[in-house]
């Protein structure tokens, strides 16, 4: 099926096309679909797996006194940075524990390694 540019259609053709599209849209609405297009949303069963984590330590401050309910300071939670520094064989000061933009951070790390290499 080929489509003509809208600019080449007459007023009547555009009105007819609009009517067809509104009718098709009304049919979709009548189906009552509930689409959730969010990415990476776990199911209830997956969330249930982590329920017991909510009962872990009751405090909400790290060793430096930072409130951990809000991701810590600019470089992330101290204890988390120390844990990953151990795994990465670097100093904790070289680790950034980011919160809400992990995909961007991963991309930036890969681009940096591509451009400058993994070891300096």
N, C-alpha and C. Protein backbone atom coordinates (compact mmCIF):
# COMPACT_ATOMS: atom_id res chain seq x y z
N UNK A 1 0.84 -1.17 0.00
CA UNK A 1 0.00 0.00 0.00
C UNK A 1 0.89 1.24 0.00
N UNK A 2 0.68 2.09 -0.96
CA UNK A 2 1.45 3.33 -1.03
C UNK A 2 0.60 4.48 -0.53
N UNK A 3 1.25 5.42 0.10
CA UNK A 3 0.55 6.57 0.66
C UNK A 3 1.00 7.83 -0.07
N UNK A 4 0.04 8.67 -0.35
CA UNK A 4 0.35 9.95 -0.96
C UNK A 4 0.69 10.95 0.15
N UNK A 5 1.55 11.89 -0.14
CA UNK A 5 1.80 12.94 0.85
C UNK A 5 0.50 13.69 1.15
N UNK A 6 0.29 14.07 2.38
CA UNK A 6 -0.94 14.79 2.74
C UNK A 6 -1.09 16.07 1.93
N UNK A 7 0.01 16.69 1.61
CA UNK A 7 -0.05 17.96 0.86
C UNK A 7 -0.63 17.78 -0.53
N UNK A 8 -0.64 16.53 -1.05
CA UNK A 8 -1.17 16.31 -2.39
C UNK A 8 -2.65 15.92 -2.37
N UNK A 9 -3.23 15.76 -1.18
CA UNK A 9 -4.64 15.36 -1.07
C UNK A 9 -5.56 16.58 -1.09
N UNK A 10 -6.77 16.35 -1.58
CA UNK A 10 -7.78 17.41 -1.57
C UNK A 10 -8.35 17.53 -0.16
N UNK A 11 -9.09 18.61 0.09
CA UNK A 11 -9.74 18.79 1.40
C UNK A 11 -10.66 17.61 1.72
N UNK A 12 -11.41 17.16 0.72
CA UNK A 12 -12.34 16.04 0.92
C UNK A 12 -11.59 14.76 1.26
N UNK A 13 -10.45 14.54 0.56
CA UNK A 13 -9.65 13.34 0.84
C UNK A 13 -9.08 13.38 2.26
N UNK A 14 -8.63 14.55 2.66
CA UNK A 14 -8.09 14.69 4.03
C UNK A 14 -9.19 14.47 5.06
N UNK A 15 -10.36 15.01 4.81
CA UNK A 15 -11.50 14.82 5.73
C UNK A 15 -11.86 13.34 5.81
N UNK A 16 -11.85 12.65 4.68
CA UNK A 16 -12.16 11.22 4.65
C UNK A 16 -11.10 10.42 5.42
N UNK A 17 -9.84 10.77 5.19
CA UNK A 17 -8.74 10.10 5.89
C UNK A 17 -8.86 10.32 7.41
N UNK A 18 -9.15 11.54 7.81
CA UNK A 18 -9.32 11.85 9.22
C UNK A 18 -10.44 11.01 9.82
N UNK A 19 -11.55 10.90 9.10
CA UNK A 19 -12.68 10.10 9.58
C UNK A 19 -12.28 8.63 9.74
N UNK A 20 -11.53 8.10 8.78
CA UNK A 20 -11.07 6.71 8.86
C UNK A 20 -10.17 6.50 10.08
N UNK A 21 -9.24 7.43 10.29
CA UNK A 21 -8.30 7.30 11.40
C UNK A 21 -9.02 7.43 12.74
N UNK A 22 -9.98 8.34 12.83
CA UNK A 22 -10.74 8.49 14.07
C UNK A 22 -11.56 7.24 14.36
N UNK A 23 -12.08 6.63 13.32
CA UNK A 23 -12.85 5.39 13.47
C UNK A 23 -11.95 4.25 13.94
N UNK A 24 -10.77 4.13 13.33
CA UNK A 24 -9.81 3.08 13.74
C UNK A 24 -9.38 3.29 15.19
N UNK A 25 -9.17 4.54 15.56
CA UNK A 25 -8.76 4.86 16.94
C UNK A 25 -9.87 4.50 17.92
N UNK A 26 -11.11 4.80 17.56
CA UNK A 26 -12.25 4.47 18.42
C UNK A 26 -12.37 2.96 18.61
N UNK A 27 -12.10 2.20 17.56
CA UNK A 27 -12.12 0.73 17.66
C UNK A 27 -11.07 0.23 18.65
N UNK A 28 -9.87 0.81 18.58
CA UNK A 28 -8.82 0.42 19.53
C UNK A 28 -9.21 0.77 20.96
N UNK A 29 -9.78 1.96 21.14
CA UNK A 29 -10.20 2.37 22.48
C UNK A 29 -11.27 1.43 23.02
N UNK A 30 -12.18 0.98 22.16
CA UNK A 30 -13.28 0.11 22.57
C UNK A 30 -12.77 -1.24 23.07
N UNK A 31 -11.57 -1.65 22.65
CA UNK A 31 -11.01 -2.91 23.10
C UNK A 31 -10.56 -2.87 24.55
N UNK A 32 -10.41 -1.66 25.09
CA UNK A 32 -10.05 -1.50 26.50
C UNK A 32 -8.67 -2.04 26.84
N UNK A 33 -7.75 -1.98 25.92
CA UNK A 33 -6.40 -2.49 26.16
C UNK A 33 -5.70 -1.65 27.23
N UNK A 34 -4.93 -2.30 28.06
CA UNK A 34 -4.14 -1.61 29.07
C UNK A 34 -2.68 -1.93 28.79
N UNK A 35 -2.05 -1.14 27.96
CA UNK A 35 -0.68 -1.38 27.56
C UNK A 35 0.28 -0.65 28.49
N UNK A 36 1.29 -1.35 28.95
CA UNK A 36 2.33 -0.75 29.78
C UNK A 36 3.64 -0.93 29.04
N UNK A 37 4.15 0.14 28.47
CA UNK A 37 5.35 0.06 27.65
C UNK A 37 6.61 0.45 28.41
N UNK A 38 6.52 0.53 29.74
CA UNK A 38 7.72 0.85 30.50
C UNK A 38 8.71 -0.29 30.39
N UNK A 39 9.98 0.04 30.41
CA UNK A 39 11.04 -0.94 30.20
C UNK A 39 11.58 -1.43 31.53
N UNK A 40 11.83 -2.73 31.62
CA UNK A 40 12.50 -3.27 32.78
C UNK A 40 11.65 -3.34 34.04
N UNK A 41 10.35 -3.40 33.91
CA UNK A 41 9.47 -3.43 35.07
C UNK A 41 9.30 -4.88 35.52
N UNK A 42 9.74 -5.21 36.74
CA UNK A 42 9.64 -6.61 37.19
C UNK A 42 8.20 -7.01 37.49
N UNK A 43 7.94 -8.32 37.38
CA UNK A 43 6.62 -8.84 37.70
C UNK A 43 6.46 -8.92 39.22
N UNK A 44 5.23 -9.15 39.67
CA UNK A 44 4.97 -9.29 41.11
C UNK A 44 5.79 -10.45 41.69
N UNK A 45 5.91 -11.54 40.94
CA UNK A 45 6.69 -12.70 41.42
C UNK A 45 8.16 -12.34 41.61
N UNK A 46 8.70 -11.53 40.70
CA UNK A 46 10.09 -11.10 40.84
C UNK A 46 10.26 -10.18 42.04
N UNK A 47 9.30 -9.30 42.25
CA UNK A 47 9.37 -8.40 43.40
C UNK A 47 9.27 -9.19 44.71
N UNK A 48 8.46 -10.24 44.71
CA UNK A 48 8.31 -11.06 45.92
C UNK A 48 9.63 -11.67 46.35
N UNK A 49 10.52 -11.94 45.39
CA UNK A 49 11.82 -12.53 45.72
C UNK A 49 12.65 -11.65 46.64
N UNK A 50 12.43 -10.35 46.54
CA UNK A 50 13.25 -9.43 47.32
C UNK A 50 12.55 -8.90 48.58
N UNK A 51 11.38 -9.42 48.91
CA UNK A 51 10.64 -8.94 50.08
C UNK A 51 11.47 -8.98 51.35
N UNK A 52 12.23 -10.05 51.55
CA UNK A 52 12.99 -10.18 52.79
C UNK A 52 14.09 -9.13 52.91
N UNK A 53 14.53 -8.56 51.79
CA UNK A 53 15.54 -7.51 51.85
C UNK A 53 15.03 -6.28 52.60
N UNK A 54 13.72 -6.10 52.60
CA UNK A 54 13.13 -4.95 53.29
C UNK A 54 13.24 -5.08 54.80
N UNK A 55 13.56 -6.28 55.28
CA UNK A 55 13.68 -6.52 56.72
C UNK A 55 15.13 -6.53 57.19
N UNK A 56 16.05 -6.14 56.33
CA UNK A 56 17.46 -6.12 56.69
C UNK A 56 17.76 -4.93 57.59
N UNK A 57 18.99 -4.57 57.81
CA UNK A 57 19.34 -3.56 58.82
C UNK A 57 18.37 -2.39 58.90
N UNK A 58 18.11 -1.99 60.12
CA UNK A 58 17.11 -0.97 60.38
C UNK A 58 17.63 0.46 60.26
N UNK A 59 18.92 0.64 60.30
CA UNK A 59 19.46 2.00 60.21
C UNK A 59 19.42 2.52 58.80
N UNK A 60 19.55 3.83 58.64
CA UNK A 60 19.55 4.40 57.30
C UNK A 60 20.68 5.40 57.12
N UNK A 61 21.73 5.27 57.93
CA UNK A 61 22.91 6.13 57.77
C UNK A 61 24.12 5.24 57.55
N UNK A 62 25.02 5.68 56.67
CA UNK A 62 26.24 4.91 56.45
C UNK A 62 27.28 5.29 57.50
N UNK A 63 28.47 4.73 57.37
CA UNK A 63 29.51 4.95 58.38
C UNK A 63 29.93 6.41 58.52
N UNK A 64 29.71 7.18 57.46
CA UNK A 64 30.07 8.61 57.53
C UNK A 64 28.89 9.47 57.97
N UNK A 65 27.73 8.85 58.21
CA UNK A 65 26.56 9.58 58.66
C UNK A 65 25.64 10.05 57.54
N UNK A 66 25.94 9.65 56.30
CA UNK A 66 25.11 10.04 55.17
C UNK A 66 23.81 9.24 55.16
N UNK A 67 22.70 9.90 54.92
CA UNK A 67 21.40 9.23 54.83
C UNK A 67 21.37 8.42 53.53
N UNK A 68 21.32 7.09 53.64
CA UNK A 68 21.42 6.22 52.47
C UNK A 68 20.10 6.02 51.74
N UNK A 69 19.04 6.61 52.24
CA UNK A 69 17.76 6.47 51.55
C UNK A 69 17.72 7.32 50.29
N UNK A 70 18.73 8.14 50.06
CA UNK A 70 18.76 9.01 48.89
C UNK A 70 20.08 8.88 48.14
N UNK A 71 20.61 7.68 48.00
CA UNK A 71 21.80 7.37 47.20
C UNK A 71 23.11 7.94 47.73
N UNK A 72 23.11 8.62 48.83
CA UNK A 72 24.37 9.15 49.35
C UNK A 72 24.79 10.42 48.65
N UNK A 73 26.07 10.73 48.70
CA UNK A 73 26.60 11.95 48.09
C UNK A 73 26.76 11.83 46.58
N UNK A 74 27.50 12.76 46.00
CA UNK A 74 27.67 12.79 44.55
C UNK A 74 28.37 11.55 44.00
N UNK A 75 29.26 10.96 44.76
CA UNK A 75 29.99 9.79 44.26
C UNK A 75 29.38 8.48 44.73
N UNK A 76 28.24 8.53 45.43
CA UNK A 76 27.56 7.31 45.85
C UNK A 76 27.88 6.91 47.27
N UNK A 77 27.29 5.81 47.71
CA UNK A 77 27.46 5.33 49.07
C UNK A 77 28.87 4.81 49.31
N UNK A 78 29.46 5.24 50.42
CA UNK A 78 30.85 4.87 50.74
C UNK A 78 31.03 3.36 50.76
N UNK A 79 30.17 2.65 51.50
CA UNK A 79 30.31 1.19 51.63
C UNK A 79 30.16 0.48 50.28
N UNK A 80 29.27 0.98 49.45
CA UNK A 80 29.09 0.38 48.13
C UNK A 80 30.33 0.60 47.27
N UNK A 81 30.89 1.79 47.33
CA UNK A 81 32.11 2.09 46.59
C UNK A 81 33.26 1.23 47.08
N UNK A 82 33.35 1.00 48.39
CA UNK A 82 34.42 0.15 48.94
C UNK A 82 34.26 -1.29 48.45
N UNK A 83 33.01 -1.78 48.43
CA UNK A 83 32.76 -3.15 47.98
C UNK A 83 33.18 -3.33 46.52
N UNK A 84 32.77 -2.40 45.66
CA UNK A 84 33.11 -2.53 44.24
C UNK A 84 34.57 -2.22 43.97
N UNK A 85 35.19 -1.37 44.77
CA UNK A 85 36.62 -1.11 44.62
C UNK A 85 37.39 -2.41 44.80
N UNK A 86 36.97 -3.20 45.77
CA UNK A 86 37.58 -4.51 46.03
C UNK A 86 37.45 -5.40 44.80
N UNK A 87 36.27 -5.44 44.21
CA UNK A 87 36.03 -6.29 43.04
C UNK A 87 36.78 -5.80 41.81
N UNK A 88 36.96 -4.47 41.70
CA UNK A 88 37.60 -3.89 40.53
C UNK A 88 39.10 -3.66 40.70
N UNK A 89 39.61 -3.96 41.90
CA UNK A 89 41.03 -3.79 42.21
C UNK A 89 41.47 -2.34 42.06
N UNK A 90 40.65 -1.45 42.55
CA UNK A 90 40.98 -0.02 42.54
C UNK A 90 40.70 0.56 43.92
N UNK A 91 41.06 1.80 44.11
CA UNK A 91 40.77 2.48 45.37
C UNK A 91 39.31 2.95 45.38
N UNK A 92 38.66 2.98 46.54
CA UNK A 92 37.26 3.44 46.60
C UNK A 92 37.05 4.83 46.00
N UNK A 93 38.06 5.68 46.09
CA UNK A 93 37.95 7.03 45.54
C UNK A 93 37.83 7.01 44.02
N UNK A 94 38.19 5.89 43.39
CA UNK A 94 38.12 5.77 41.93
C UNK A 94 36.78 5.21 41.46
N UNK A 95 35.89 4.89 42.38
CA UNK A 95 34.61 4.28 42.05
C UNK A 95 33.49 5.31 42.23
N UNK A 96 32.60 5.36 41.27
CA UNK A 96 31.39 6.17 41.39
C UNK A 96 30.22 5.20 41.41
N UNK A 97 29.40 5.29 42.43
CA UNK A 97 28.21 4.43 42.54
C UNK A 97 27.01 5.29 42.20
N UNK A 98 26.61 5.25 40.93
CA UNK A 98 25.51 6.10 40.46
C UNK A 98 24.18 5.44 40.70
N UNK A 99 23.14 6.24 40.66
CA UNK A 99 21.82 5.73 40.97
C UNK A 99 20.91 5.52 39.78
N UNK A 100 20.43 6.60 39.17
CA UNK A 100 19.33 6.46 38.24
C UNK A 100 19.72 6.48 36.77
N UNK A 101 20.98 6.53 36.45
CA UNK A 101 21.34 6.59 35.03
C UNK A 101 22.42 5.56 34.70
N UNK A 102 22.20 4.34 35.14
CA UNK A 102 23.22 3.31 34.97
C UNK A 102 23.53 3.03 33.50
N UNK A 103 22.53 3.05 32.63
CA UNK A 103 22.80 2.78 31.22
C UNK A 103 23.70 3.86 30.62
N UNK A 104 23.47 5.10 31.00
CA UNK A 104 24.31 6.19 30.52
C UNK A 104 25.73 6.02 31.04
N UNK A 105 25.86 5.65 32.31
CA UNK A 105 27.19 5.46 32.89
C UNK A 105 27.93 4.31 32.20
N UNK A 106 27.21 3.21 31.92
CA UNK A 106 27.84 2.07 31.24
C UNK A 106 28.31 2.48 29.85
N UNK A 107 27.46 3.21 29.13
CA UNK A 107 27.83 3.68 27.80
C UNK A 107 29.07 4.56 27.87
N UNK A 108 29.09 5.49 28.82
CA UNK A 108 30.23 6.38 28.95
C UNK A 108 31.51 5.60 29.25
N UNK A 109 31.41 4.60 30.10
CA UNK A 109 32.60 3.78 30.42
C UNK A 109 33.10 3.04 29.18
N UNK A 110 32.18 2.46 28.43
CA UNK A 110 32.58 1.73 27.22
C UNK A 110 33.20 2.66 26.19
N UNK A 111 32.61 3.82 26.00
CA UNK A 111 33.17 4.78 25.04
C UNK A 111 34.55 5.24 25.50
N UNK A 112 34.72 5.49 26.81
CA UNK A 112 36.02 5.89 27.33
C UNK A 112 37.06 4.81 27.05
N UNK A 113 36.68 3.53 27.33
CA UNK A 113 37.63 2.43 27.09
C UNK A 113 37.94 2.28 25.60
N UNK A 114 36.95 2.49 24.75
CA UNK A 114 37.15 2.41 23.31
C UNK A 114 38.14 3.48 22.85
N UNK A 115 37.96 4.69 23.38
CA UNK A 115 38.81 5.80 22.96
C UNK A 115 40.18 5.80 23.61
N UNK A 116 40.26 5.43 24.88
CA UNK A 116 41.51 5.58 25.64
C UNK A 116 42.09 4.27 26.16
N UNK A 117 41.40 3.17 25.98
CA UNK A 117 41.87 1.89 26.49
C UNK A 117 41.42 1.67 27.92
N UNK A 118 41.48 0.42 28.35
CA UNK A 118 41.00 0.07 29.69
C UNK A 118 42.06 0.29 30.76
N UNK A 119 43.30 0.39 30.37
CA UNK A 119 44.38 0.61 31.34
C UNK A 119 45.18 1.83 30.95
N UNK A 120 45.52 2.62 31.93
CA UNK A 120 46.28 3.83 31.66
C UNK A 120 47.64 3.74 32.32
